């Protein structure tokens, strides 16, 4: 039995009540410290801001042409929050560095959660859980709030691929221009474009605005002239 709980169990009733109250309040008192909360918020916000400076570097934005390139900044920002939370935990409990390292290795090789950003979410909730277990609520609660807001803002940026096939070889250039114009008119931002002449196929990597209406875009594309109209396939949209 851990020392503080053993002492609580062996204490006289009045002392036990006081010790029980102290145990319940442990970790919560720090939330009343406005300066400490402000410090946590500044640390997490600064971590995101500095990570964003690298994630959205103009050199990488110019070469963005695939969905992986588009999703990469989301992963970078999430891992910046994780790094800040881990540092705050280790500052309070240095020995937790080995625990976090072990958990990270286990997740990396034994947990199948899909994309890198999904792994980031799993690691974030794990370190938040560690904070709760250590009763470092002054870190856990701001980290959860910042993480929730960050994920909400990032996931509003939806990207996908619109692939068009079955267009005649002699009309593929004209069809590409027609589809590009129609997609831009629908409010989609074209991130990348690829044409495969042998397969008579071309594809656009696009970013969709909030409130994207796929059915309306499909109707607009179906209204294109038959000479340039092909079979449209939406991926991740």
Protein backbone atom coordinates (compact mmCIF):
# COMPACT_ATOMS: atom_id res chain seq x y z
CA UNK A 1 0.00 0.00 0.00
CA UNK A 2 1.49 3.41 -0.98
CA UNK A 3 2.76 5.47 1.94
CA UNK A 4 0.14 8.23 1.92
CA UNK A 5 -2.79 5.76 1.75
CA UNK A 6 -1.28 3.55 4.48
CA UNK A 7 -0.86 6.59 6.73
CA UNK A 8 -4.45 7.59 6.00
CA UNK A 9 -5.77 4.12 6.90
CA UNK A 10 -3.85 4.03 10.18
CA UNK A 11 -4.76 7.57 11.27
CA UNK A 12 -7.22 8.27 14.10
CA UNK A 13 -10.74 9.21 12.87
CA UNK A 14 -10.40 13.03 13.14
CA UNK A 15 -6.88 12.91 11.77
CA UNK A 16 -8.05 10.44 9.14
CA UNK A 17 -10.80 12.82 8.05
CA UNK A 18 -8.31 15.64 7.71
CA UNK A 19 -5.87 13.41 5.86
CA UNK A 20 -8.69 12.25 3.58
CA UNK A 21 -9.63 15.82 2.77
CA UNK A 22 -5.99 16.63 2.07
CA UNK A 23 -5.76 13.61 -0.22
CA UNK A 24 -8.85 14.64 -2.18
CA UNK A 25 -7.67 18.24 -2.51
CA UNK A 26 -4.18 17.25 -3.60
CA UNK A 27 -3.57 18.57 -7.08
CA UNK A 28 -6.74 20.67 -7.20
CA UNK A 29 -5.38 23.60 -5.21
CA UNK A 30 -3.04 24.55 -8.04
CA UNK A 31 -6.06 25.26 -10.25
CA UNK A 32 -6.86 28.23 -8.01
CA UNK A 33 -3.49 29.77 -8.87
CA UNK A 34 -4.26 32.05 -11.82
CA UNK A 35 -0.58 32.75 -12.49
CA UNK A 36 0.23 29.04 -12.69
CA UNK A 37 -2.67 28.44 -15.07
CA UNK A 38 -1.50 31.36 -17.19
CA UNK A 39 2.00 29.87 -17.25
CA UNK A 40 0.62 26.51 -18.46
CA UNK A 41 -1.41 28.24 -21.17
CA UNK A 42 1.61 30.26 -22.33
CA UNK A 43 3.83 27.17 -22.46
CA UNK A 44 1.34 25.20 -24.56
CA UNK A 45 0.48 28.14 -26.83
CA UNK A 46 4.14 28.97 -27.42
CA UNK A 47 4.87 25.33 -28.27
CA UNK A 48 2.11 25.39 -30.89
CA UNK A 49 3.22 28.76 -32.29
CA UNK A 50 6.86 27.70 -32.68
CA UNK A 51 5.86 24.37 -34.19
CA UNK A 52 3.55 26.17 -36.64
CA UNK A 53 6.46 28.33 -37.80
CA UNK A 54 8.21 25.14 -38.90
CA UNK A 55 5.15 23.15 -40.00
CA UNK A 56 3.92 25.94 -42.28
CA UNK A 57 7.33 27.00 -43.58
CA UNK A 58 6.93 28.65 -47.02
CA UNK A 59 9.39 26.22 -48.61
CA UNK A 60 7.28 23.22 -47.62
CA UNK A 61 3.99 24.93 -48.49
CA UNK A 62 5.19 25.56 -52.04
CA UNK A 63 5.86 21.86 -52.67
CA UNK A 64 2.57 20.69 -51.14
CA UNK A 65 1.02 18.39 -53.71
CA UNK A 66 -0.24 15.31 -51.87
CA UNK A 67 -2.58 14.51 -49.00
CA UNK A 68 0.39 13.45 -46.88
CA UNK A 69 1.95 16.89 -47.32
CA UNK A 70 -1.34 18.51 -46.31
CA UNK A 71 -1.79 16.35 -43.20
CA UNK A 72 1.82 16.66 -42.00
CA UNK A 73 1.45 20.04 -40.20
CA UNK A 74 -1.42 18.62 -38.11
CA UNK A 75 0.87 15.88 -36.83
CA UNK A 76 3.70 18.33 -36.11
CA UNK A 77 1.47 20.65 -34.06
CA UNK A 78 0.00 17.78 -32.06
CA UNK A 79 3.44 16.42 -31.22
CA UNK A 80 4.53 19.89 -30.11
CA UNK A 81 1.74 19.85 -27.50
CA UNK A 82 2.78 16.35 -26.44
CA UNK A 83 6.40 17.46 -26.03
CA UNK A 84 5.39 20.40 -23.86
CA UNK A 85 3.18 18.22 -21.64
CA UNK A 86 5.91 15.59 -21.27
CA UNK A 87 8.40 18.27 -20.24
CA UNK A 88 5.98 19.58 -17.61
CA UNK A 89 5.47 16.06 -16.23
CA UNK A 90 9.20 15.36 -16.08
CA UNK A 91 9.77 18.70 -14.36
CA UNK A 92 7.50 17.53 -11.52
CA UNK A 93 8.49 13.84 -11.58
CA UNK A 94 11.89 13.31 -13.30
CA UNK A 95 11.58 9.52 -13.00
CA UNK A 96 8.52 9.63 -15.26
CA UNK A 97 10.83 10.25 -18.23
CA UNK A 98 11.62 6.52 -18.33
CA UNK A 99 7.95 5.60 -18.00
CA UNK A 100 6.93 7.90 -20.86
CA UNK A 101 9.79 6.61 -23.01
CA UNK A 102 8.64 3.03 -22.42
CA UNK A 103 5.00 3.83 -23.15
CA UNK A 104 5.99 5.66 -26.34
CA UNK A 105 8.00 2.68 -27.57
CA UNK A 106 5.14 0.30 -26.78
CA UNK A 107 2.65 2.44 -28.69
CA UNK A 108 4.98 2.90 -31.62
CA UNK A 109 5.50 -0.80 -32.22
CA UNK A 110 2.49 -2.51 -30.61
CA UNK A 111 -0.47 -0.19 -31.15
CA UNK A 112 -2.21 0.07 -34.51
CA UNK A 113 -4.03 3.38 -34.60
CA UNK A 114 -3.68 4.35 -38.25
CA UNK A 115 -2.19 7.64 -39.36
CA UNK A 116 0.55 9.56 -37.56
CA UNK A 117 -1.89 12.21 -36.31
CA UNK A 118 -4.04 9.46 -34.78
CA UNK A 119 -0.97 8.14 -32.98
CA UNK A 120 -0.41 11.68 -31.74
CA UNK A 121 -3.90 11.78 -30.24
CA UNK A 122 -3.34 8.45 -28.49
CA UNK A 123 -0.04 9.65 -27.01
CA UNK A 124 -1.63 12.94 -25.93
CA UNK A 125 -4.44 11.25 -24.02
CA UNK A 126 -1.86 8.91 -22.48
CA UNK A 127 0.25 11.73 -21.08
CA UNK A 128 -2.92 13.50 -19.91
CA UNK A 129 -3.82 10.28 -18.11
CA UNK A 130 -0.37 10.23 -16.52
CA UNK A 131 -0.95 13.79 -15.31
CA UNK A 132 -4.23 12.71 -13.72
CA UNK A 133 -2.58 9.71 -12.09
CA UNK A 134 0.11 11.98 -10.67
CA UNK A 135 -2.57 14.53 -9.71
CA UNK A 136 -0.96 17.22 -11.84
CA UNK A 137 -4.37 18.57 -12.81
CA UNK A 138 -2.96 22.01 -13.49
CA UNK A 139 -1.23 20.45 -16.51
CA UNK A 140 -3.86 17.85 -17.46
CA UNK A 141 -6.82 20.22 -17.76
CA UNK A 142 -5.15 23.00 -19.82
CA UNK A 143 -3.49 20.35 -22.03
CA UNK A 144 -6.86 18.72 -22.68
CA UNK A 145 -8.49 22.07 -23.47
CA UNK A 146 -5.67 23.13 -25.80
CA UNK A 147 -5.56 19.71 -27.46
CA UNK A 148 -9.33 19.69 -28.02
CA UNK A 149 -9.28 23.17 -29.55
CA UNK A 150 -6.27 22.35 -31.73
CA UNK A 151 -7.84 19.16 -33.09
CA UNK A 152 -11.13 21.00 -33.73
CA UNK A 153 -9.43 23.75 -35.72
CA UNK A 154 -7.14 21.42 -37.67
CA UNK A 155 -9.83 18.89 -38.57
CA UNK A 156 -11.98 21.65 -40.05
CA UNK A 157 -9.40 21.72 -42.85
CA UNK A 158 -10.63 18.80 -44.95
CA UNK A 159 -8.56 17.59 -47.87
CA UNK A 160 -9.16 14.85 -50.40
CA UNK A 161 -8.63 13.67 -53.95
CA UNK A 162 -11.01 14.08 -56.87
CA UNK A 163 -10.07 11.60 -59.59
CA UNK A 164 -11.47 11.77 -63.12
CA UNK A 165 -11.13 8.91 -65.61
CA UNK A 166 -12.63 7.83 -68.93
CA UNK A 167 -11.97 11.09 -70.79
CA UNK A 168 -10.94 10.83 -74.44
CA UNK A 169 -7.20 11.17 -75.04
CA UNK A 170 -7.65 14.09 -77.42
CA UNK A 171 -9.82 15.95 -74.88
CA UNK A 172 -7.84 15.36 -71.71
CA UNK A 173 -6.21 18.82 -71.63
CA UNK A 174 -9.52 20.59 -72.19
CA UNK A 175 -11.20 18.32 -69.62
CA UNK A 176 -8.51 19.09 -67.04
CA UNK A 177 -9.08 22.83 -67.50
CA UNK A 178 -12.86 22.42 -67.31
CA UNK A 179 -12.73 20.40 -64.09
CA UNK A 180 -10.17 22.74 -62.55
CA UNK A 181 -12.41 25.74 -63.26
CA UNK A 182 -15.50 23.95 -61.89
CA UNK A 183 -13.75 22.92 -58.68
CA UNK A 184 -12.41 26.41 -58.02
CA UNK A 185 -15.86 27.87 -58.70
CA UNK A 186 -17.26 25.48 -56.08
CA UNK A 187 -14.90 26.95 -53.47
CA UNK A 188 -12.33 24.15 -53.43
CA UNK A 189 -8.64 25.06 -53.27
CA UNK A 190 -6.47 22.94 -55.53
CA UNK A 191 -3.34 21.81 -53.69
CA UNK A 192 -1.90 19.48 -56.31
CA UNK A 193 -2.67 18.06 -59.73
CA UNK A 194 -1.58 14.94 -61.60
CA UNK A 195 -2.32 13.71 -65.11
CA UNK A 196 -1.77 10.16 -66.42
CA UNK A 197 -2.10 10.25 -70.19
CA UNK A 198 -1.75 6.50 -70.74
CA UNK A 199 -4.61 5.78 -68.33
CA UNK A 200 -6.57 8.80 -69.59
CA UNK A 201 -6.93 9.90 -66.00
CA UNK A 202 -6.22 13.03 -63.99
CA UNK A 203 -6.61 13.86 -60.31
CA UNK A 204 -6.80 16.96 -58.13
CA UNK A 205 -5.72 17.15 -54.50
CA UNK A 206 -8.12 19.69 -53.03
CA UNK A 207 -8.84 21.44 -49.75
CA UNK A 208 -12.53 21.74 -48.98
CA UNK A 209 -14.01 24.71 -47.07
CA UNK A 210 -16.05 24.25 -43.87
CA UNK A 211 -19.57 23.17 -44.75
CA UNK A 212 -18.45 21.38 -47.91
CA UNK A 213 -21.46 20.04 -49.85
CA UNK A 214 -20.30 17.07 -51.89
CA UNK A 215 -23.66 16.55 -53.62
CA UNK A 216 -23.61 20.10 -54.98
CA UNK A 217 -20.09 19.66 -56.34
CA UNK A 218 -21.08 16.35 -57.93
CA UNK A 219 -24.03 18.07 -59.61
CA UNK A 220 -21.76 20.85 -60.93
CA UNK A 221 -19.31 18.31 -62.36
CA UNK A 222 -22.10 16.24 -63.91
CA UNK A 223 -23.28 19.40 -65.69
CA UNK A 224 -20.02 19.74 -67.64
CA UNK A 225 -20.22 19.21 -71.43
CA UNK A 226 -20.26 15.55 -72.48
CA UNK A 227 -17.09 15.98 -74.55
CA UNK A 228 -15.00 16.69 -71.43
CA UNK A 229 -17.01 14.80 -68.83
CA UNK A 230 -15.55 11.69 -67.24
CA UNK A 231 -16.16 9.32 -64.35
CA UNK A 232 -15.53 11.16 -61.06
CA UNK A 233 -14.33 9.46 -57.89
CA UNK A 234 -14.09 11.25 -54.53
CA UNK A 235 -11.52 10.10 -51.97
CA UNK A 236 -11.69 11.28 -48.31
CA UNK A 237 -14.33 13.88 -49.13
